N, C-alpha and C. Protein backbone atom coordinates (compact mmCIF):
# COMPACT_ATOMS: atom_id res chain seq x y z
N UNK A 1 60.89 85.27 167.00
CA UNK A 1 60.30 86.61 167.42
C UNK A 1 60.45 86.89 168.60
N UNK A 2 60.15 86.22 169.80
CA UNK A 2 60.25 86.09 171.28
C UNK A 2 61.39 86.18 171.49
N UNK A 3 62.15 85.19 170.68
CA UNK A 3 63.89 85.33 171.33
C UNK A 3 64.71 86.56 171.05
N UNK A 4 63.87 87.37 169.58
CA UNK A 4 64.82 88.54 169.25
C UNK A 4 64.56 89.75 170.23
N UNK A 5 63.10 90.22 170.39
CA UNK A 5 62.44 90.78 171.06
C UNK A 5 62.90 90.79 172.61
N UNK A 6 63.38 89.48 173.26
CA UNK A 6 64.12 89.33 174.88
C UNK A 6 65.49 90.16 174.05
N UNK A 7 66.11 89.60 173.17
CA UNK A 7 67.75 90.08 173.31
C UNK A 7 67.72 91.24 172.53
N UNK A 8 66.57 91.60 172.11
CA UNK A 8 67.05 93.70 171.88
C UNK A 8 66.86 94.15 173.01
N UNK A 9 65.80 93.81 174.38
CA UNK A 9 65.15 94.49 175.31
C UNK A 9 66.63 93.90 176.05
N UNK A 10 67.17 92.75 176.45
CA UNK A 10 68.77 92.69 177.06
C UNK A 10 69.69 93.68 176.94
N UNK A 11 70.10 93.79 175.49
CA UNK A 11 71.24 94.81 174.68
C UNK A 11 71.43 96.19 175.38
N UNK A 12 69.80 96.66 174.80
CA UNK A 12 69.17 98.12 175.03
C UNK A 12 69.66 98.52 176.28
N UNK A 13 68.82 97.78 177.48
CA UNK A 13 68.75 97.87 179.12
C UNK A 13 70.29 97.68 179.33
N UNK A 14 71.18 96.59 178.64
CA UNK A 14 72.46 96.32 179.18
C UNK A 14 73.39 97.63 178.91
N UNK A 15 72.92 98.81 177.79
CA UNK A 15 73.40 99.85 177.40
C UNK A 15 73.47 101.17 177.84
N UNK A 16 72.21 101.09 179.02
CA UNK A 16 71.93 102.51 179.53
C UNK A 16 72.14 102.24 181.06
N UNK A 17 72.31 103.57 181.87
CA UNK A 17 72.72 103.63 183.10
C UNK A 17 71.74 103.53 183.83
N UNK A 18 71.52 103.39 184.90
CA UNK A 18 70.26 103.44 185.77
C UNK A 18 70.02 104.85 186.39
N UNK A 19 68.39 105.41 186.81
CA UNK A 19 68.78 106.44 187.22
C UNK A 19 68.88 107.52 186.61
N UNK A 20 68.58 107.58 185.21
CA UNK A 20 69.05 108.87 184.51
C UNK A 20 67.72 109.13 183.63
N UNK A 21 67.76 110.30 183.38
CA UNK A 21 66.32 110.70 182.65
C UNK A 21 66.74 110.26 181.12
N UNK A 22 65.52 109.45 180.56
CA UNK A 22 65.69 108.43 179.10
C UNK A 22 64.50 109.32 178.24
N UNK A 23 64.94 109.20 177.28
CA UNK A 23 63.52 109.35 176.38
C UNK A 23 64.12 108.07 175.34
N UNK A 24 63.41 107.95 174.97
CA UNK A 24 62.46 106.72 174.17
C UNK A 24 61.72 106.99 172.41
N UNK A 25 63.04 107.44 171.50
CA UNK A 25 62.27 108.09 170.39
C UNK A 25 61.71 106.75 169.63
N UNK A 26 60.62 107.02 169.01
CA UNK A 26 60.24 105.59 168.28
C UNK A 26 59.75 104.94 169.06
N UNK A 27 59.13 104.69 170.41
CA UNK A 27 59.19 103.68 171.64
C UNK A 27 58.35 102.22 170.81
N UNK A 28 57.24 102.78 169.94
CA UNK A 28 56.12 102.04 169.97
C UNK A 28 55.37 101.49 171.13
N UNK A 29 55.20 99.97 170.93
CA UNK A 29 54.55 99.96 172.36
C UNK A 29 55.38 98.67 172.68
N UNK A 30 56.69 98.75 172.95
CA UNK A 30 57.88 97.71 173.47
C UNK A 30 57.80 97.61 174.66
N UNK A 31 58.31 96.52 175.04
CA UNK A 31 58.66 95.90 176.45
C UNK A 31 59.63 96.86 177.12
N UNK A 32 60.55 97.49 175.90
CA UNK A 32 61.59 98.69 176.27
C UNK A 32 61.60 99.37 177.35
N UNK A 33 60.32 99.98 176.43
CA UNK A 33 59.61 101.54 177.28
C UNK A 33 58.51 101.20 178.20
N UNK A 34 58.07 99.61 178.00
CA UNK A 34 56.94 99.94 179.50
C UNK A 34 57.64 99.46 180.51
N UNK A 35 58.92 99.32 180.65
CA UNK A 35 60.01 98.29 181.52
C UNK A 35 60.36 99.77 182.29
N UNK A 36 60.69 101.15 181.81
CA UNK A 36 60.96 102.30 182.01
C UNK A 36 60.04 103.38 182.20
N UNK A 37 58.93 102.98 183.42
CA UNK A 37 58.17 103.47 183.51
C UNK A 37 58.36 105.26 183.76
N UNK A 38 59.84 105.51 184.47
CA UNK A 38 59.97 106.56 184.56
C UNK A 38 60.66 107.82 183.02
N UNK A 39 60.45 106.50 182.12
CA UNK A 39 61.11 107.65 180.89
C UNK A 39 60.17 108.36 179.94
N UNK A 40 60.85 109.40 179.03
CA UNK A 40 59.28 109.92 178.10
C UNK A 40 59.42 108.85 177.00
N UNK A 41 58.08 108.50 177.01
CA UNK A 41 57.72 107.57 175.60
C UNK A 41 57.74 108.59 174.31
N UNK A 42 58.66 108.61 173.42
CA UNK A 42 57.84 109.41 172.28
C UNK A 42 57.86 108.60 171.32
N UNK A 43 56.68 108.73 170.34
CA UNK A 43 56.16 108.12 169.01
C UNK A 43 55.44 108.86 168.01
N UNK A 44 55.39 108.62 166.62
CA UNK A 44 54.56 109.23 166.09
C UNK A 44 52.75 109.21 166.28
N UNK A 45 52.80 107.68 166.39
CA UNK A 45 51.35 106.81 165.94
C UNK A 45 50.93 107.37 167.56
N UNK A 46 49.65 107.83 167.59
CA UNK A 46 49.16 107.88 169.24
C UNK A 46 48.37 106.95 169.31
N UNK A 47 48.14 105.77 168.58
CA UNK A 47 47.53 104.61 169.30
C UNK A 47 48.65 103.95 170.10
N UNK A 48 49.93 103.87 169.72
CA UNK A 48 50.66 103.38 170.70
C UNK A 48 50.99 103.77 171.75
N UNK A 49 50.89 105.04 171.56
CA UNK A 49 50.96 105.98 172.99
C UNK A 49 49.92 105.90 173.86
N UNK A 50 48.42 105.66 173.63
CA UNK A 50 47.42 105.39 174.08
C UNK A 50 48.10 104.10 174.80
N UNK A 51 48.18 103.00 174.15
CA UNK A 51 48.90 101.68 174.93
C UNK A 51 49.78 101.73 175.92
N UNK A 52 50.36 102.88 175.98
CA UNK A 52 50.98 102.96 177.11
C UNK A 52 50.96 103.80 178.25
N UNK A 53 49.32 104.29 178.07
CA UNK A 53 49.25 105.05 179.21
C UNK A 53 49.10 104.43 180.83
N UNK A 54 48.96 103.12 180.62
CA UNK A 54 49.03 102.19 182.07
C UNK A 54 50.45 102.24 182.40
N UNK A 55 51.42 102.29 181.67
CA UNK A 55 52.78 101.92 181.99
C UNK A 55 53.69 103.27 181.89
N UNK A 56 53.49 104.09 181.36
CA UNK A 56 54.43 105.00 181.30
C UNK A 56 53.52 106.71 180.98
N UNK A 57 53.74 107.18 182.27
CA UNK A 57 52.96 108.54 182.33
C UNK A 57 53.09 110.00 181.37
N UNK A 58 54.52 109.49 180.89
CA UNK A 58 55.38 110.45 180.01
C UNK A 58 55.28 110.27 179.12
N UNK A 59 54.37 110.93 177.74
CA UNK A 59 53.96 110.16 176.78
C UNK A 59 53.90 111.50 175.77
N UNK A 60 54.69 111.61 174.90
CA UNK A 60 54.91 112.59 173.71
C UNK A 60 54.91 112.52 172.15
N UNK A 61 54.04 112.91 171.75
CA UNK A 61 53.12 112.77 169.97
C UNK A 61 54.46 113.63 169.45
N UNK A 62 55.48 113.12 168.88
CA UNK A 62 56.39 114.15 168.18
C UNK A 62 56.81 113.11 166.95
N UNK A 63 57.98 114.08 166.08
CA UNK A 63 58.75 113.23 164.99
C UNK A 63 60.16 113.65 165.31
N UNK A 64 60.79 112.48 165.46
CA UNK A 64 62.33 112.55 165.36
C UNK A 64 63.21 113.52 164.74
N UNK A 65 62.57 114.27 163.40
CA UNK A 65 63.33 115.27 162.91
C UNK A 65 63.30 116.49 163.90
N UNK A 66 62.33 116.33 164.49
CA UNK A 66 62.12 117.82 165.51
C UNK A 66 61.90 117.62 166.38
N UNK A 67 62.78 117.22 167.47
CA UNK A 67 62.13 116.94 168.87
C UNK A 67 61.55 118.15 169.66
N UNK A 68 60.65 117.76 170.29
CA UNK A 68 60.06 118.99 170.98
C UNK A 68 60.73 118.96 172.62
N UNK A 69 62.12 118.59 172.56
CA UNK A 69 62.43 119.24 174.00
C UNK A 69 63.60 120.21 173.97
N UNK A 70 63.73 120.73 175.26
CA UNK A 70 64.80 121.76 175.39
C UNK A 70 66.34 121.07 175.02
N UNK A 71 67.02 121.74 174.60
CA UNK A 71 68.64 121.73 174.38
C UNK A 71 68.89 120.78 175.91
N UNK A 72 69.93 119.85 175.90
CA UNK A 72 70.09 118.90 176.93
C UNK A 72 69.59 118.41 177.85
N UNK A 73 68.54 117.92 177.39
CA UNK A 73 67.21 117.79 178.45
C UNK A 73 67.07 116.47 179.12
N UNK A 74 68.00 115.47 178.51
CA UNK A 74 68.06 114.08 178.72
C UNK A 74 69.73 113.78 179.13
N UNK A 75 69.63 112.89 179.82
CA UNK A 75 70.97 111.87 180.05
C UNK A 75 71.32 110.42 178.69
N UNK A 76 69.94 110.44 178.50
CA UNK A 76 70.23 108.81 177.46
C UNK A 76 69.04 109.08 176.59
N UNK A 77 69.47 108.63 175.47
CA UNK A 77 68.28 108.29 174.08
C UNK A 77 68.12 106.95 173.92
N UNK A 78 66.98 106.65 173.93
CA UNK A 78 67.16 105.01 172.99
C UNK A 78 66.45 105.67 171.66
N UNK A 79 66.84 104.82 170.37
CA UNK A 79 66.56 105.13 169.26
C UNK A 79 66.26 103.89 168.20
N UNK A 80 65.29 102.59 168.65
CA UNK A 80 65.55 101.69 168.13
C UNK A 80 64.65 101.05 167.56
N UNK A 81 65.26 100.78 165.77
CA UNK A 81 64.18 100.35 165.25
C UNK A 81 63.38 101.61 164.46
N UNK A 82 63.91 102.31 164.18
CA UNK A 82 63.15 103.59 163.48
C UNK A 82 64.18 104.10 162.32
N UNK A 83 65.34 104.14 162.21
CA UNK A 83 66.07 104.99 161.37
C UNK A 83 65.92 104.00 160.38
N UNK A 84 65.69 102.76 159.84
CA UNK A 84 65.74 101.84 158.50
C UNK A 84 64.42 102.67 158.16
N UNK A 85 62.96 102.96 158.76
CA UNK A 85 61.84 103.11 158.31
C UNK A 85 61.73 104.64 158.09
N UNK A 86 62.60 105.60 157.91
CA UNK A 86 62.40 107.22 157.35
C UNK A 86 63.31 107.06 156.47
N UNK A 87 63.55 108.42 155.50
CA UNK A 87 64.38 108.27 155.40
C UNK A 87 65.49 108.94 155.89
N UNK A 88 66.91 108.69 155.35
CA UNK A 88 68.16 109.56 155.75
C UNK A 88 68.09 111.15 156.00
N UNK A 89 68.16 111.39 157.42
CA UNK A 89 67.95 113.39 157.13
C UNK A 89 68.57 113.48 158.42
N UNK A 90 70.42 114.19 158.24
CA UNK A 90 71.25 114.41 159.45
C UNK A 90 70.79 115.44 160.35
N UNK A 91 69.17 115.58 159.82
CA UNK A 91 68.59 116.54 161.33
C UNK A 91 68.44 115.65 162.39
N UNK A 92 67.93 114.25 161.98
CA UNK A 92 67.58 112.84 163.13
C UNK A 92 68.91 113.38 164.17
N UNK A 93 70.32 113.27 163.68
CA UNK A 93 71.20 113.13 164.53
C UNK A 93 71.80 114.27 165.31
N UNK A 94 70.98 115.41 164.46
CA UNK A 94 71.70 116.89 164.58
C UNK A 94 70.68 116.86 166.04
N UNK A 95 69.59 116.42 165.95
CA UNK A 95 68.31 116.87 167.20
C UNK A 95 68.63 115.89 168.04
N UNK A 96 68.93 114.67 168.27
CA UNK A 96 69.47 113.49 168.99
C UNK A 96 70.75 114.59 169.71
N UNK A 97 72.23 115.03 169.38
CA UNK A 97 73.02 115.74 169.83
C UNK A 97 72.25 117.36 170.84
N UNK A 98 71.39 117.85 170.19
CA UNK A 98 71.23 118.76 171.15
C UNK A 98 69.99 118.36 172.44
N UNK A 99 69.20 117.05 172.22
CA UNK A 99 68.78 117.17 173.10
C UNK A 99 69.18 116.37 174.59
N UNK A 100 70.48 115.45 173.91
CA UNK A 100 71.37 115.07 175.25
C UNK A 100 72.25 115.79 176.02
N UNK A 101 72.56 115.44 176.96
CA UNK A 101 73.69 116.38 177.81
C UNK A 101 75.08 115.99 177.02
N UNK A 102 76.05 116.32 177.49
CA UNK A 102 77.19 116.09 177.05
C UNK A 102 77.48 115.08 178.14
N UNK A 103 78.35 114.05 177.43
CA UNK A 103 78.20 112.88 178.02
C UNK A 103 77.44 111.80 177.89
N UNK A 104 76.35 111.95 177.52
CA UNK A 104 74.99 111.55 177.34
C UNK A 104 75.33 110.15 176.61
N UNK A 105 74.31 109.13 176.82
CA UNK A 105 74.33 108.04 175.71
C UNK A 105 73.13 108.07 175.02
N UNK A 106 73.59 107.40 174.17
CA UNK A 106 72.75 106.91 172.51
C UNK A 106 72.02 105.62 172.92
N UNK A 107 71.25 104.98 172.34
CA UNK A 107 71.47 103.68 172.32
C UNK A 107 70.76 103.38 170.82
N UNK A 108 71.46 102.86 169.96
CA UNK A 108 70.42 103.18 168.75
C UNK A 108 70.78 101.59 168.48
N UNK A 109 69.36 101.28 167.11
CA UNK A 109 69.55 100.08 166.76
C UNK A 109 69.00 100.10 165.05
N UNK A 110 69.74 99.30 164.31
CA UNK A 110 68.82 99.06 163.21
C UNK A 110 69.45 98.19 162.23
N UNK A 111 69.05 97.38 161.79
CA UNK A 111 69.30 96.13 160.55
C UNK A 111 71.25 96.92 159.86
N UNK A 112 71.75 95.71 159.92
CA UNK A 112 73.05 96.13 159.38
C UNK A 112 73.31 95.50 158.08
N UNK A 113 73.24 96.35 157.15
CA UNK A 113 72.81 95.78 155.81
C UNK A 113 74.27 95.50 155.11
N UNK A 114 74.95 95.58 155.65
CA UNK A 114 76.06 95.43 155.21
C UNK A 114 76.84 93.94 155.36
N UNK A 115 76.04 93.28 156.13
CA UNK A 115 76.35 91.81 157.10
C UNK A 115 75.12 90.95 155.83
N UNK A 116 75.75 89.72 155.79
CA UNK A 116 75.18 88.79 154.92
C UNK A 116 74.13 88.40 155.66
N UNK A 117 74.02 88.66 157.24
CA UNK A 117 72.84 87.88 157.46
C UNK A 117 71.33 88.78 157.53
N UNK A 118 71.71 90.29 157.69
CA UNK A 118 70.30 90.61 157.92
C UNK A 118 69.66 90.32 156.33
N UNK A 119 70.44 90.50 155.15
CA UNK A 119 69.14 90.18 153.97
C UNK A 119 69.01 88.87 153.78
N UNK A 120 69.77 88.06 154.30
CA UNK A 120 69.28 86.73 154.46
C UNK A 120 67.86 86.60 155.24
N UNK A 121 68.09 87.05 156.77
CA UNK A 121 66.57 87.17 157.69
C UNK A 121 65.62 87.79 156.69
N UNK A 122 65.76 89.01 156.28
CA UNK A 122 65.02 89.66 155.88
C UNK A 122 63.92 88.55 154.57
N UNK A 123 64.82 87.91 153.47
CA UNK A 123 64.26 87.08 152.50
C UNK A 123 63.01 86.24 153.19
N UNK A 124 63.39 85.30 154.55
CA UNK A 124 62.80 84.54 154.39
C UNK A 124 61.97 85.28 155.69
N UNK A 125 61.80 86.76 156.71
CA UNK A 125 61.37 87.05 157.31
C UNK A 125 59.99 87.15 156.64
N UNK A 126 59.73 87.92 155.19
CA UNK A 126 58.50 88.98 154.65
C UNK A 126 57.62 87.15 154.63
N UNK A 127 58.00 86.02 153.67
CA UNK A 127 56.82 85.28 153.69
C UNK A 127 56.79 84.72 155.01
N UNK A 128 57.33 84.51 156.07
CA UNK A 128 56.95 83.88 157.40
C UNK A 128 56.00 84.61 157.87
N UNK A 129 56.08 85.94 158.12
CA UNK A 129 55.25 86.89 158.49
C UNK A 129 55.16 88.37 157.46
N UNK A 130 54.14 88.13 156.70
CA UNK A 130 53.55 88.87 155.42
C UNK A 130 53.53 90.17 156.16
N UNK A 131 52.69 90.16 157.20
CA UNK A 131 52.30 91.78 157.88
C UNK A 131 53.15 92.35 158.65
N UNK A 132 54.42 91.69 158.86
CA UNK A 132 55.36 92.49 159.57
C UNK A 132 56.20 93.59 158.58
N UNK A 133 57.44 94.12 158.88
CA UNK A 133 57.76 95.70 158.63
C UNK A 133 59.21 95.03 157.48
N UNK A 134 59.15 93.65 157.06
CA UNK A 134 60.45 93.39 156.32
C UNK A 134 60.26 94.37 154.88
N UNK A 135 59.37 94.70 154.65
CA UNK A 135 59.70 95.23 153.80
C UNK A 135 59.21 96.99 153.91
N UNK A 136 59.34 97.40 154.91
CA UNK A 136 59.42 99.27 155.39
C UNK A 136 60.45 99.88 155.28
N UNK A 137 61.65 99.02 155.17
CA UNK A 137 62.83 99.14 155.14
C UNK A 137 63.46 100.20 154.05
N UNK A 138 63.20 101.59 154.23
CA UNK A 138 63.46 102.27 153.34
C UNK A 138 64.83 103.07 153.35
N UNK A 139 65.68 102.63 154.41
CA UNK A 139 67.07 103.50 154.58
C UNK A 139 67.58 102.08 154.95
N UNK A 140 69.01 101.80 153.95
CA UNK A 140 70.02 100.83 154.65
C UNK A 140 71.04 101.00 154.90
N UNK A 141 71.49 101.03 156.31
CA UNK A 141 72.54 101.36 156.82
C UNK A 141 72.97 99.76 157.21
N UNK A 142 74.81 99.83 157.26
CA UNK A 142 75.94 99.41 156.99
C UNK A 142 76.31 99.83 158.81
N UNK A 143 77.01 98.76 159.62
CA UNK A 143 77.97 99.48 160.40
C UNK A 143 78.53 100.83 160.46
N UNK A 144 79.23 100.48 159.64
CA UNK A 144 80.22 101.43 158.87
C UNK A 144 79.43 102.86 158.45
N UNK A 145 78.18 102.82 157.70
CA UNK A 145 77.84 104.07 157.76
C UNK A 145 77.16 104.62 158.80
N UNK A 146 76.48 103.72 160.00
CA UNK A 146 76.10 104.62 160.98
C UNK A 146 76.97 104.68 161.98
N UNK A 147 77.97 104.18 161.97
CA UNK A 147 79.27 104.75 163.23
C UNK A 147 80.25 105.73 162.06
N UNK A 148 79.91 106.53 161.15
CA UNK A 148 80.27 107.54 160.51
C UNK A 148 79.36 108.44 160.34
N UNK A 149 78.00 108.20 160.26
CA UNK A 149 77.35 109.72 160.67
C UNK A 149 76.75 110.03 161.75
N UNK A 150 77.29 108.91 162.73
CA UNK A 150 77.31 109.19 164.89
C UNK A 150 78.69 110.19 164.89
N UNK A 151 79.78 110.12 164.21
CA UNK A 151 80.74 110.70 164.57
C UNK A 151 80.95 111.80 163.96
N UNK A 152 80.05 112.20 162.61
CA UNK A 152 80.04 113.44 162.11
C UNK A 152 79.22 114.26 163.07
N UNK A 153 78.13 113.65 163.69
CA UNK A 153 77.53 114.41 164.72
C UNK A 153 77.81 114.61 166.35
N UNK A 154 79.01 114.34 166.69
CA UNK A 154 79.18 114.35 167.73
C UNK A 154 79.28 113.30 168.71
N UNK A 155 78.94 112.27 167.68
CA UNK A 155 79.14 110.85 168.76
C UNK A 155 80.25 109.79 168.78
N UNK A 156 80.73 109.24 170.28
CA UNK A 156 81.91 108.13 169.81
C UNK A 156 80.95 107.15 170.37
N UNK A 157 81.45 106.30 169.44
CA UNK A 157 80.55 104.62 169.72
C UNK A 157 81.61 104.06 170.65
N UNK A 158 80.57 103.29 171.87
CA UNK A 158 80.99 102.91 172.78
C UNK A 158 81.46 101.17 172.88
N UNK A 159 80.30 101.10 172.69
CA UNK A 159 80.07 99.24 172.54
C UNK A 159 78.89 99.01 171.16
N UNK A 160 78.91 97.76 170.60
CA UNK A 160 77.77 97.17 169.39
C UNK A 160 77.48 95.41 170.18
N UNK A 161 76.59 95.50 169.49
CA UNK A 161 76.21 93.96 169.57
C UNK A 161 75.30 93.78 168.64
N UNK A 162 75.05 92.33 168.34
CA UNK A 162 74.58 92.14 167.23
C UNK A 162 73.54 91.10 167.36
N UNK A 163 72.11 90.76 166.98
CA UNK A 163 71.56 89.97 167.22
C UNK A 163 71.49 89.41 165.65
N UNK A 164 71.42 88.11 166.33
CA UNK A 164 71.47 86.82 165.24
C UNK A 164 72.10 87.67 164.11
N UNK A 165 73.60 88.51 164.07
CA UNK A 165 74.12 89.26 163.30
C UNK A 165 73.96 89.42 162.33
N UNK A 166 72.73 90.49 162.50
CA UNK A 166 72.17 90.98 161.43
C UNK A 166 71.55 92.53 162.71
N UNK A 167 70.83 92.31 163.08
CA UNK A 167 70.35 93.54 164.10
C UNK A 167 71.61 93.92 164.71
N UNK A 168 71.80 95.24 164.46
CA UNK A 168 72.57 95.86 165.20
C UNK A 168 72.38 96.82 166.32
N UNK A 169 73.04 96.84 167.49
CA UNK A 169 72.14 97.65 168.82
C UNK A 169 73.67 98.29 169.23
N UNK A 170 73.79 99.60 169.20
CA UNK A 170 74.86 100.45 169.44
C UNK A 170 74.63 101.61 170.39
N UNK A 171 75.86 101.06 171.25
CA UNK A 171 75.74 102.35 172.29
C UNK A 171 77.04 103.18 172.24
N UNK A 172 76.60 104.93 171.97
CA UNK A 172 77.34 105.85 171.75
C UNK A 172 77.29 106.79 172.82
N UNK A 173 78.17 107.56 172.80
CA UNK A 173 78.43 108.84 173.77
C UNK A 173 78.52 110.36 172.98
N UNK A 174 77.34 111.41 173.53
CA UNK A 174 77.84 112.78 173.10
C UNK A 174 79.10 113.17 173.51
N UNK A 175 79.99 113.52 172.57
CA UNK A 175 81.15 114.10 172.60
C UNK A 175 81.31 115.62 172.60
N UNK A 176 80.70 116.21 171.66
CA UNK A 176 80.70 117.33 171.09
C UNK A 176 79.15 118.00 171.06
N UNK A 177 78.81 118.94 170.66
CA UNK A 177 77.99 119.85 170.19
C UNK A 177 77.81 120.07 168.53
N UNK A 178 77.25 119.76 167.54
CA UNK A 178 77.24 119.99 166.52
C UNK A 178 76.49 121.39 166.18
């Protein structure tokens, strides 16, 4: 777990540009958001936002399906380990496009169910950590399906990385309004 969290933090931060307005959607209480004190921490769980009160003064309780921000409010958005826990809904991606500036960066992460490694990891993850999230993934993305959805919603993939061959972290750029 520690290796995994550190690798995710490394890849996500590596895909961000410094000094830009950042929104972390579904931030939870991760080290990623805690290390970005000027970013807007957004989550649906009030308890996670309360936990962040010492590290992040900008906290918003909201849903990814309807972001409570003006058009083009952010230069960058992080959407890590959220989309697999919620139903597939195109409004997620149109909202991301809406709140990002033209040329803005989206860093999005999810398990890649198109590779053999994630189902294997998930098979062992459940029994080893029975109270973790293994059984809460209701939408299964593949690299191909995620790239297709991003392209349909005005994003161009710039780079991507894998953690242990199964978790996909993508850097995309907003190229058009939808």
